[in-house]
PDB file of N, CA and C in Angstrom:
ATOM      1  N   UNK A   1      58.464  72.627  18.805  1.00  0.00           N
ATOM      2  CA  UNK A   1      59.035  72.858  17.502  1.00  0.00           C
ATOM      3  C   UNK A   1      59.204  74.364  17.332  1.00  0.00           C
ATOM      4  N   UNK A   2      60.307  74.780  16.754  1.00  0.00           N
ATOM      5  CA  UNK A   2      60.557  76.196  16.515  1.00  0.00           C
ATOM      6  C   UNK A   2      59.922  76.614  15.200  1.00  0.00           C
ATOM      7  N   UNK A   3      59.205  77.729  15.243  1.00  0.00           N
ATOM      8  CA  UNK A   3      58.564  78.243  14.048  1.00  0.00           C
ATOM      9  C   UNK A   3      59.499  79.139  13.259  1.00  0.00           C
ATOM     10  N   UNK A   4      58.964  79.764  12.220  1.00  0.00           N
ATOM     11  CA  UNK A   4      59.766  80.613  11.351  1.00  0.00           C
ATOM     12  C   UNK A   4      60.264  81.869  12.063  1.00  0.00           C
ATOM     13  N   UNK A   5      59.545  82.292  13.111  1.00  0.00           N
ATOM     14  CA  UNK A   5      59.954  83.489  13.837  1.00  0.00           C
ATOM     15  C   UNK A   5      60.993  83.197  14.912  1.00  0.00           C
ATOM     16  N   UNK A   6      61.339  81.923  15.080  1.00  0.00           N
ATOM     17  CA  UNK A   6      62.279  81.553  16.124  1.00  0.00           C
ATOM     18  C   UNK A   6      61.599  81.255  17.445  1.00  0.00           C
ATOM     19  N   UNK A   7      60.301  81.508  17.520  1.00  0.00           N
ATOM     20  CA  UNK A   7      59.527  81.218  18.722  1.00  0.00           C
ATOM     21  C   UNK A   7      59.082  79.765  18.692  1.00  0.00           C
ATOM     22  N   UNK A   8      58.857  79.211  19.860  1.00  0.00           N
ATOM     23  CA  UNK A   8      58.367  77.843  19.929  1.00  0.00           C
ATOM     24  C   UNK A   8      56.899  77.819  19.514  1.00  0.00           C
ATOM     25  N   UNK A   9      56.535  76.890  18.640  1.00  0.00           N
ATOM     26  CA  UNK A   9      55.164  76.746  18.176  1.00  0.00           C
ATOM     27  C   UNK A   9      54.666  75.353  18.493  1.00  0.00           C
ATOM     28  N   UNK A  10      53.373  75.256  18.782  1.00  0.00           N
ATOM     29  CA  UNK A  10      52.758  73.971  19.073  1.00  0.00           C
ATOM     30  C   UNK A  10      52.295  73.307  17.791  1.00  0.00           C
ATOM     31  N   UNK A  11      52.353  71.995  17.753  1.00  0.00           N
ATOM     32  CA  UNK A  11      51.866  71.229  16.603  1.00  0.00           C
ATOM     33  C   UNK A  11      51.111  70.022  17.134  1.00  0.00           C
ATOM     34  N   UNK A  12      50.009  69.659  16.486  1.00  0.00           N
ATOM     35  CA  UNK A  12      49.198  68.519  16.897  1.00  0.00           C
ATOM     36  C   UNK A  12      49.609  67.305  16.081  1.00  0.00           C
ATOM     37  N   UNK A  13      49.924  66.208  16.759  1.00  0.00           N
ATOM     38  CA  UNK A  13      50.382  65.001  16.090  1.00  0.00           C
ATOM     39  C   UNK A  13      49.386  63.855  16.179  1.00  0.00           C
ATOM     40  N   UNK A  14      48.209  64.073  16.771  1.00  0.00           N
ATOM     41  CA  UNK A  14      47.223  63.011  16.957  1.00  0.00           C
ATOM     42  C   UNK A  14      46.291  62.860  15.771  1.00  0.00           C
ATOM     43  N   UNK A  15      45.219  62.112  16.006  1.00  0.00           N
ATOM     44  CA  UNK A  15      44.206  61.881  14.977  1.00  0.00           C
ATOM     45  C   UNK A  15      43.318  63.116  14.823  1.00  0.00           C
ATOM     46  N   UNK A  16      43.145  63.573  13.597  1.00  0.00           N
ATOM     47  CA  UNK A  16      42.329  64.752  13.322  1.00  0.00           C
ATOM     48  C   UNK A  16      40.867  64.519  13.677  1.00  0.00           C
ATOM     49  N   UNK A  17      40.376  63.288  13.496  1.00  0.00           N
ATOM     50  CA  UNK A  17      38.975  63.001  13.802  1.00  0.00           C
ATOM     51  C   UNK A  17      38.643  63.280  15.259  1.00  0.00           C
ATOM     52  N   UNK A  18      39.586  63.002  16.148  1.00  0.00           N
ATOM     53  CA  UNK A  18      39.376  63.251  17.567  1.00  0.00           C
ATOM     54  C   UNK A  18      39.164  64.745  17.821  1.00  0.00           C
ATOM     55  N   UNK A  19      39.967  65.567  17.192  1.00  0.00           N
ATOM     56  CA  UNK A  19      39.814  67.014  17.345  1.00  0.00           C
ATOM     57  C   UNK A  19      38.524  67.523  16.723  1.00  0.00           C
ATOM     58  N   UNK A  20      38.150  66.970  15.595  1.00  0.00           N
ATOM     59  CA  UNK A  20      36.930  67.406  14.917  1.00  0.00           C
ATOM     60  C   UNK A  20      35.727  67.211  15.828  1.00  0.00           C
ATOM     61  N   UNK A  21      35.655  66.089  16.529  1.00  0.00           N
ATOM     62  CA  UNK A  21      34.549  65.835  17.458  1.00  0.00           C
ATOM     63  C   UNK A  21      34.582  66.815  18.622  1.00  0.00           C
ATOM     64  N   UNK A  22      35.760  67.113  19.128  1.00  0.00           N
ATOM     65  CA  UNK A  22      35.868  68.070  20.226  1.00  0.00           C
ATOM     66  C   UNK A  22      35.456  69.470  19.777  1.00  0.00           C
ATOM     67  N   UNK A  23      35.906  69.874  18.604  1.00  0.00           N
ATOM     68  CA  UNK A  23      35.524  71.184  18.083  1.00  0.00           C
ATOM     69  C   UNK A  23      34.021  71.260  17.850  1.00  0.00           C
ATOM     70  N   UNK A  24      33.435  70.181  17.376  1.00  0.00           N
ATOM     71  CA  UNK A  24      31.988  70.142  17.131  1.00  0.00           C
ATOM     72  C   UNK A  24      31.228  70.427  18.425  1.00  0.00           C
ATOM     73  N   UNK A  25      31.662  69.818  19.525  1.00  0.00           N
ATOM     74  CA  UNK A  25      31.027  70.074  20.824  1.00  0.00           C
ATOM     75  C   UNK A  25      31.183  71.537  21.232  1.00  0.00           C
ATOM     76  N   UNK A  26      32.349  72.105  20.988  1.00  0.00           N
ATOM     77  CA  UNK A  26      32.598  73.509  21.340  1.00  0.00           C
ATOM     78  C   UNK A  26      31.698  74.429  20.529  1.00  0.00           C
ATOM     79  N   UNK A  27      31.562  74.175  19.230  1.00  0.00           N
ATOM     80  CA  UNK A  27      30.712  75.015  18.387  1.00  0.00           C
ATOM     81  C   UNK A  27      29.254  74.929  18.818  1.00  0.00           C
ATOM     82  N   UNK A  28      28.803  73.734  19.210  1.00  0.00           N
ATOM     83  CA  UNK A  28      27.418  73.578  19.690  1.00  0.00           C
ATOM     84  C   UNK A  28      27.204  74.392  20.966  1.00  0.00           C
ATOM     85  N   UNK A  29      28.180  74.358  21.865  1.00  0.00           N
ATOM     86  CA  UNK A  29      28.065  75.127  23.103  1.00  0.00           C
ATOM     87  C   UNK A  29      28.073  76.629  22.823  1.00  0.00           C
ATOM     88  N   UNK A  30      28.886  77.049  21.878  1.00  0.00           N
ATOM     89  CA  UNK A  30      28.906  78.467  21.505  1.00  0.00           C
ATOM     90  C   UNK A  30      27.548  78.894  20.960  1.00  0.00           C
ATOM     91  N   UNK A  31      26.961  78.044  20.141  1.00  0.00           N
ATOM     92  CA  UNK A  31      25.646  78.341  19.577  1.00  0.00           C
ATOM     93  C   UNK A  31      24.590  78.440  20.678  1.00  0.00           C
ATOM     94  N   UNK A  32      24.647  77.536  21.657  1.00  0.00           N
ATOM     95  CA  UNK A  32      23.718  77.590  22.793  1.00  0.00           C
ATOM     96  C   UNK A  32      23.902  78.887  23.570  1.00  0.00           C
ATOM     97  N   UNK A  33      25.140  79.278  23.786  1.00  0.00           N
ATOM     98  CA  UNK A  33      25.429  80.510  24.518  1.00  0.00           C
ATOM     99  C   UNK A  33      24.894  81.731  23.779  1.00  0.00           C
ATOM    100  N   UNK A  34      25.088  81.765  22.463  1.00  0.00           N
ATOM    101  CA  UNK A  34      24.590  82.897  21.677  1.00  0.00           C
ATOM    102  C   UNK A  34      23.060  82.924  21.682  1.00  0.00           C
ATOM    103  N   UNK A  35      22.431  81.758  21.605  1.00  0.00           N
ATOM    104  CA  UNK A  35      20.966  81.696  21.670  1.00  0.00           C
ATOM    105  C   UNK A  35      20.459  82.146  23.035  1.00  0.00           C
ATOM    106  N   UNK A  36      21.131  81.708  24.100  1.00  0.00           N
ATOM    107  CA  UNK A  36      20.744  82.130  25.444  1.00  0.00           C
ATOM    108  C   UNK A  36      20.834  83.649  25.568  1.00  0.00           C
ATOM    109  N   UNK A  37      21.928  84.206  25.109  1.00  0.00           N
ATOM    110  CA  UNK A  37      22.099  85.658  25.181  1.00  0.00           C
ATOM    111  C   UNK A  37      20.968  86.366  24.435  1.00  0.00           C
ATOM    112  N   UNK A  38      20.663  85.892  23.241  1.00  0.00           N
ATOM    113  CA  UNK A  38      19.653  86.549  22.407  1.00  0.00           C
ATOM    114  C   UNK A  38      18.243  86.389  22.977  1.00  0.00           C
ATOM    115  N   UNK A  39      17.849  85.163  23.303  1.00  0.00           N
ATOM    116  CA  UNK A  39      16.453  84.903  23.672  1.00  0.00           C
ATOM    117  C   UNK A  39      16.165  85.067  25.159  1.00  0.00           C
ATOM    118  N   UNK A  40      17.081  84.678  26.034  1.00  0.00           N
ATOM    119  CA  UNK A  40      16.806  84.724  27.469  1.00  0.00           C
ATOM    120  C   UNK A  40      17.377  85.965  28.138  1.00  0.00           C
ATOM    121  N   UNK A  41      18.632  86.225  27.899  1.00  0.00           N
ATOM    122  CA  UNK A  41      19.294  87.321  28.592  1.00  0.00           C
ATOM    123  C   UNK A  41      18.785  88.679  28.139  1.00  0.00           C
ATOM    124  N   UNK A  42      18.622  88.874  26.839  1.00  0.00           N
ATOM    125  CA  UNK A  42      18.168  90.178  26.336  1.00  0.00           C
ATOM    126  C   UNK A  42      16.732  90.140  25.845  1.00  0.00           C
ATOM    127  N   UNK A  43      16.058  89.023  26.033  1.00  0.00           N
ATOM    128  CA  UNK A  43      14.657  88.847  25.640  1.00  0.00           C
ATOM    129  C   UNK A  43      14.425  89.222  24.178  1.00  0.00           C
ATOM    130  N   UNK A  44      15.342  88.839  23.306  1.00  0.00           N
ATOM    131  CA  UNK A  44      15.194  89.061  21.877  1.00  0.00           C
ATOM    132  C   UNK A  44      15.533  90.464  21.410  1.00  0.00           C
ATOM    133  N   UNK A  45      15.998  91.322  22.311  1.00  0.00           N
ATOM    134  CA  UNK A  45      16.281  92.713  21.955  1.00  0.00           C
ATOM    135  C   UNK A  45      17.685  92.918  21.405  1.00  0.00           C
ATOM    136  N   UNK A  46      18.569  91.973  21.670  1.00  0.00           N
ATOM    137  CA  UNK A  46      19.955  92.132  21.273  1.00  0.00           C
ATOM    138  C   UNK A  46      20.527  90.779  20.901  1.00  0.00           C
ATOM    139  N   UNK A  47      21.570  90.799  20.098  1.00  0.00           N
ATOM    140  CA  UNK A  47      22.245  89.554  19.766  1.00  0.00           C
ATOM    141  C   UNK A  47      23.733  89.818  19.606  1.00  0.00           C
ATOM    142  N   UNK A  48      24.503  88.760  19.635  1.00  0.00           N
ATOM    143  CA  UNK A  48      25.943  88.881  19.467  1.00  0.00           C
ATOM    144  C   UNK A  48      26.224  89.244  18.014  1.00  0.00           C
ATOM    145  N   UNK A  49      27.042  90.255  17.803  1.00  0.00           N
ATOM    146  CA  UNK A  49      27.277  90.753  16.447  1.00  0.00           C
ATOM    147  C   UNK A  49      28.688  90.484  15.939  1.00  0.00           C
ATOM    148  N   UNK A  50      29.561  89.993  16.822  1.00  0.00           N
ATOM    149  CA  UNK A  50      30.943  89.744  16.406  1.00  0.00           C
ATOM    150  C   UNK A  50      31.591  88.771  17.390  1.00  0.00           C
ATOM    151  N   UNK A  51      32.478  87.935  16.877  1.00  0.00           N
ATOM    152  CA  UNK A  51      33.242  87.017  17.715  1.00  0.00           C
ATOM    153  C   UNK A  51      34.709  87.414  17.604  1.00  0.00           C
ATOM    154  N   UNK A  52      35.369  87.526  18.752  1.00  0.00           N
ATOM    155  CA  UNK A  52      36.798  87.812  18.781  1.00  0.00           C
ATOM    156  C   UNK A  52      37.508  86.537  19.211  1.00  0.00           C
ATOM    157  N   UNK A  53      38.237  85.946  18.299  1.00  0.00           N
ATOM    158  CA  UNK A  53      38.949  84.694  18.536  1.00  0.00           C
ATOM    159  C   UNK A  53      40.378  85.012  18.930  1.00  0.00           C
ATOM    160  N   UNK A  54      40.811  84.446  20.042  1.00  0.00           N
ATOM    161  CA  UNK A  54      42.134  84.752  20.560  1.00  0.00           C
ATOM    162  C   UNK A  54      42.786  83.473  21.069  1.00  0.00           C
ATOM    163  N   UNK A  55      44.086  83.379  20.985  1.00  0.00           N
ATOM    164  CA  UNK A  55      44.807  82.241  21.531  1.00  0.00           C
ATOM    165  C   UNK A  55      45.989  81.862  20.659  1.00  0.00           C
ATOM    166  N   UNK A  56      46.636  80.774  21.060  1.00  0.00           N
ATOM    167  CA  UNK A  56      47.796  80.318  20.304  1.00  0.00           C
ATOM    168  C   UNK A  56      47.657  78.836  19.965  1.00  0.00           C
ATOM    169  N   UNK A  57      46.430  78.397  19.766  1.00  0.00           N
ATOM    170  CA  UNK A  57      46.178  77.001  19.390  1.00  0.00           C
ATOM    171  C   UNK A  57      46.873  76.721  18.061  1.00  0.00           C
ATOM    172  N   UNK A  58      47.493  75.544  17.907  1.00  0.00           N
ATOM    173  CA  UNK A  58      48.195  75.256  16.653  1.00  0.00           C
ATOM    174  C   UNK A  58      47.282  75.218  15.427  1.00  0.00           C
ATOM    175  N   UNK A  59      45.983  75.079  15.648  1.00  0.00           N
ATOM    176  CA  UNK A  59      45.045  75.030  14.518  1.00  0.00           C
ATOM    177  C   UNK A  59      44.125  76.246  14.514  1.00  0.00           C
ATOM    178  N   UNK A  60      44.592  77.373  15.027  1.00  0.00           N
ATOM    179  CA  UNK A  60      43.758  78.558  15.169  1.00  0.00           C
ATOM    180  C   UNK A  60      43.181  79.020  13.829  1.00  0.00           C
ATOM    181  N   UNK A  61      43.965  78.955  12.788  1.00  0.00           N
ATOM    182  CA  UNK A  61      43.478  79.389  11.474  1.00  0.00           C
ATOM    183  C   UNK A  61      42.320  78.507  11.004  1.00  0.00           C
ATOM    184  N   UNK A  62      42.440  77.218  11.215  1.00  0.00           N
ATOM    185  CA  UNK A  62      41.360  76.301  10.832  1.00  0.00           C
ATOM    186  C   UNK A  62      40.112  76.553  11.677  1.00  0.00           C
ATOM    187  N   UNK A  63      40.299  76.798  12.966  1.00  0.00           N
ATOM    188  CA  UNK A  63      39.177  77.112  13.852  1.00  0.00           C
ATOM    189  C   UNK A  63      38.487  78.381  13.373  1.00  0.00           C
ATOM    190  N   UNK A  64      39.277  79.388  13.041  1.00  0.00           N
ATOM    191  CA  UNK A  64      38.720  80.647  12.528  1.00  0.00           C
ATOM    192  C   UNK A  64      37.876  80.404  11.284  1.00  0.00           C
ATOM    193  N   UNK A  65      38.425  79.657  10.329  1.00  0.00           N
ATOM    194  CA  UNK A  65      37.702  79.392   9.083  1.00  0.00           C
ATOM    195  C   UNK A  65      36.402  78.637   9.340  1.00  0.00           C
ATOM    196  N   UNK A  66      36.432  77.687  10.262  1.00  0.00           N
ATOM    197  CA  UNK A  66      35.231  76.908  10.591  1.00  0.00           C
ATOM    198  C   UNK A  66      34.175  77.792  11.245  1.00  0.00           C
ATOM    199  N   UNK A  67      34.601  78.695  12.120  1.00  0.00           N
ATOM    200  CA  UNK A  67      33.660  79.590  12.786  1.00  0.00           C
ATOM    201  C   UNK A  67      33.035  80.565  11.796  1.00  0.00           C
ATOM    202  N   UNK A  68      33.826  81.049  10.851  1.00  0.00           N
ATOM    203  CA  UNK A  68      33.298  81.941   9.817  1.00  0.00           C
ATOM    204  C   UNK A  68      32.220  81.216   9.014  1.00  0.00           C
ATOM    205  N   UNK A  69      32.470  79.949   8.727  1.00  0.00           N
ATOM    206  CA  UNK A  69      31.535  79.151   7.946  1.00  0.00           C
ATOM    207  C   UNK A  69      30.253  78.843   8.728  1.00  0.00           C
ATOM    208  N   UNK A  70      30.360  78.596  10.030  1.00  0.00           N
ATOM    209  CA  UNK A  70      29.219  78.162  10.843  1.00  0.00           C
ATOM    210  C   UNK A  70      28.330  79.310  11.313  1.00  0.00           C
ATOM    211  N   UNK A  71      28.930  80.404  11.708  1.00  0.00           N
ATOM    212  CA  UNK A  71      28.178  81.501  12.309  1.00  0.00           C
ATOM    213  C   UNK A  71      28.020  82.626  11.292  1.00  0.00           C
ATOM    214  N   UNK A  72      26.887  83.270  11.324  1.00  0.00           N
ATOM    215  CA  UNK A  72      26.594  84.335  10.366  1.00  0.00           C
ATOM    216  C   UNK A  72      27.004  85.711  10.877  1.00  0.00           C
ATOM    217  N   UNK A  73      28.067  85.753  11.637  1.00  0.00           N
ATOM    218  CA  UNK A  73      28.579  87.020  12.144  1.00  0.00           C
ATOM    219  C   UNK A  73      30.089  87.056  11.926  1.00  0.00           C
ATOM    220  N   UNK A  74      30.672  88.256  11.890  1.00  0.00           N
ATOM    221  CA  UNK A  74      32.122  88.349  11.680  1.00  0.00           C
ATOM    222  C   UNK A  74      32.919  87.696  12.803  1.00  0.00           C
ATOM    223  N   UNK A  75      34.001  87.035  12.429  1.00  0.00           N
ATOM    224  CA  UNK A  75      34.930  86.431  13.389  1.00  0.00           C
ATOM    225  C   UNK A  75      36.284  87.095  13.157  1.00  0.00           C
ATOM    226  N   UNK A  76      36.762  87.813  14.152  1.00  0.00           N
ATOM    227  CA  UNK A  76      38.028  88.540  14.034  1.00  0.00           C
ATOM    228  C   UNK A  76      39.063  87.956  14.987  1.00  0.00           C
ATOM    229  N   UNK A  77      40.321  88.212  14.687  1.00  0.00           N
ATOM    230  CA  UNK A  77      41.422  87.831  15.562  1.00  0.00           C
ATOM    231  C   UNK A  77      42.239  89.070  15.889  1.00  0.00           C
ATOM    232  N   UNK A  78      42.985  89.002  16.947  1.00  0.00           N
ATOM    233  CA  UNK A  78      43.840  90.118  17.349  1.00  0.00           C
ATOM    234  C   UNK A  78      45.185  90.039  16.651  1.00  0.00           C
ATOM    235  N   UNK A  79      45.714  91.189  16.305  1.00  0.00           N
ATOM    236  CA  UNK A  79      47.086  91.306  15.823  1.00  0.00           C
ATOM    237  C   UNK A  79      47.681  92.504  16.543  1.00  0.00           C
ATOM    238  N   UNK A  80      48.718  92.265  17.299  1.00  0.00           N
ATOM    239  CA  UNK A  80      49.333  93.338  18.059  1.00  0.00           C
ATOM    240  C   UNK A  80      50.657  93.724  17.420  1.00  0.00           C
ATOM    241  N   UNK A  81      50.808  94.993  17.164  1.00  0.00           N
ATOM    242  CA  UNK A  81      52.050  95.507  16.599  1.00  0.00           C
ATOM    243  C   UNK A  81      52.869  96.142  17.704  1.00  0.00           C
ATOM    244  N   UNK A  82      54.151  96.079  17.558  1.00  0.00           N
ATOM    245  CA  UNK A  82      55.040  96.695  18.532  1.00  0.00           C
ATOM    246  C   UNK A  82      54.997  98.211  18.393  1.00  0.00           C
ATOM    247  N   UNK A  83      55.168  98.880  19.507  1.00  0.00           N
ATOM    248  CA  UNK A  83      55.235 100.346  19.467  1.00  0.00           C
ATOM    249  C   UNK A  83      56.628 100.830  19.104  1.00  0.00           C
ATOM    250  N   UNK A  84      57.588  99.915  19.105  1.00  0.00           N
ATOM    251  CA  UNK A  84      58.964 100.258  18.755  1.00  0.00           C
ATOM    252  C   UNK A  84      59.177 100.047  17.259  1.00  0.00           C
ATOM    253  N   UNK A  85      59.674 101.030  16.548  1.00  0.00           N
ATOM    254  CA  UNK A  85      59.917 100.854  15.110  1.00  0.00           C
ATOM    255  C   UNK A  85      60.894  99.718  14.838  1.00  0.00           C
ATOM    256  N   UNK A  86      60.542  98.849  13.903  1.00  0.00           N
ATOM    257  CA  UNK A  86      61.400  97.743  13.504  1.00  0.00           C
ATOM    258  C   UNK A  86      61.367  96.543  14.430  1.00  0.00           C
ATOM    259  N   UNK A  87      60.615  96.619  15.528  1.00  0.00           N
ATOM    260  CA  UNK A  87      60.543  95.491  16.469  1.00  0.00           C
ATOM    261  C   UNK A  87      59.555  94.448  15.964  1.00  0.00           C
ATOM    262  N   UNK A  88      59.792  93.207  16.340  1.00  0.00           N
ATOM    263  CA  UNK A  88      58.881  92.128  15.963  1.00  0.00           C
ATOM    264  C   UNK A  88      57.553  92.278  16.697  1.00  0.00           C
ATOM    265  N   UNK A  89      56.451  91.818  16.070  1.00  0.00           N
ATOM    266  CA  UNK A  89      55.162  91.866  16.763  1.00  0.00           C
ATOM    267  C   UNK A  89      55.160  90.915  17.957  1.00  0.00           C
ATOM    268  N   UNK A  90      54.303  91.188  18.906  1.00  0.00           N
ATOM    269  CA  UNK A  90      54.178  90.359  20.099  1.00  0.00           C
ATOM    270  C   UNK A  90      53.628  88.984  19.715  1.00  0.00           C
ATOM    271  N   UNK A  91      54.238  87.894  20.186  1.00  0.00           N
ATOM    272  CA  UNK A  91      53.725  86.553  19.860  1.00  0.00           C
ATOM    273  C   UNK A  91      52.315  86.344  20.410  1.00  0.00           C
ATOM    274  N   UNK A  92      51.470  85.643  19.673  1.00  0.00           N
ATOM    275  CA  UNK A  92      50.095  85.397  20.093  1.00  0.00           C
ATOM    276  C   UNK A  92      50.015  84.669  21.419  1.00  0.00           C
ATOM    277  N   UNK A  93      51.030  83.899  21.755  1.00  0.00           N
ATOM    278  CA  UNK A  93      51.024  83.162  23.021  1.00  0.00           C
ATOM    279  C   UNK A  93      51.042  84.099  24.230  1.00  0.00           C
ATOM    280  N   UNK A  94      51.388  85.365  24.029  1.00  0.00           N
ATOM    281  CA  UNK A  94      51.462  86.327  25.136  1.00  0.00           C
ATOM    282  C   UNK A  94      50.257  87.260  25.211  1.00  0.00           C
ATOM    283  N   UNK A  95      49.314  87.175  24.284  1.00  0.00           N
ATOM    284  CA  UNK A  95      48.171  88.086  24.256  1.00  0.00           C
ATOM    285  C   UNK A  95      47.339  88.011  25.537  1.00  0.00           C
ATOM    286  N   UNK A  96      47.070  86.793  26.014  1.00  0.00           N
ATOM    287  CA  UNK A  96      46.235  86.653  27.207  1.00  0.00           C
ATOM    288  C   UNK A  96      46.936  87.250  28.419  1.00  0.00           C
ATOM    289  N   UNK A  97      48.217  86.966  28.575  1.00  0.00           N
ATOM    290  CA  UNK A  97      48.982  87.518  29.698  1.00  0.00           C
ATOM    291  C   UNK A  97      49.019  89.043  29.628  1.00  0.00           C
ATOM    292  N   UNK A  98      49.192  89.583  28.435  1.00  0.00           N
ATOM    293  CA  UNK A  98      49.204  91.045  28.277  1.00  0.00           C
ATOM    294  C   UNK A  98      47.839  91.623  28.657  1.00  0.00           C
ATOM    295  N   UNK A  99      46.777  91.005  28.203  1.00  0.00           N
ATOM    296  CA  UNK A  99      45.432  91.473  28.534  1.00  0.00           C
ATOM    297  C   UNK A  99      45.178  91.458  30.029  1.00  0.00           C
ATOM    298  N   UNK A 100      45.605  90.385  30.695  1.00  0.00           N
ATOM    299  CA  UNK A 100      45.436  90.320  32.151  1.00  0.00           C
ATOM    300  C   UNK A 100      46.272  91.375  32.841  1.00  0.00           C
ATOM    301  N   UNK A 101      47.466  91.623  32.339  1.00  0.00           N
ATOM    302  CA  UNK A 101      48.312  92.662  32.919  1.00  0.00           C
ATOM    303  C   UNK A 101      47.714  94.032  32.730  1.00  0.00           C
ATOM    304  N   UNK A 102      47.150  94.302  31.559  1.00  0.00           N
ATOM    305  CA  UNK A 102      46.541  95.603  31.293  1.00  0.00           C
ATOM    306  C   UNK A 102      45.260  95.803  32.093  1.00  0.00           C
ATOM    307  N   UNK A 103      44.587  94.714  32.416  1.00  0.00           N
ATOM    308  CA  UNK A 103      43.354  94.785  33.211  1.00  0.00           C
ATOM    309  C   UNK A 103      43.634  95.451  34.554  1.00  0.00           C
ATOM    310  N   UNK A 104      44.795  95.175  35.111  1.00  0.00           N
ATOM    311  CA  UNK A 104      45.160  95.735  36.416  1.00  0.00           C
ATOM    312  C   UNK A 104      45.727  97.147  36.309  1.00  0.00           C
ATOM    313  N   UNK A 105      46.037  97.598  35.088  1.00  0.00           N
ATOM    314  CA  UNK A 105      46.663  98.914  34.918  1.00  0.00           C
ATOM    315  C   UNK A 105      45.665 100.036  35.106  1.00  0.00           C
TER     316      UNK A 105
END
């Protein structure tokens, strides 16, 4: 489906309950990972202080809101602006590819 920017956007047409269960599992795993980092990896000396959410999932805004509600740390997303005056911002679907490309630079 084409979005307002003229770019192709993904949309989910299935049952929301199915996604809710999948997201619940992901949030539990994230919590385990943060606990491992805090208690085992850093022996209680350090903890995760911020989450950077990235991607082009059709429900990214809802995921962001849920993470803000569940975790007691800031959840931020990336917004990339063009370096060219008047140019459109880079689509979120290209952020990962850009990051991988910059990694090699």
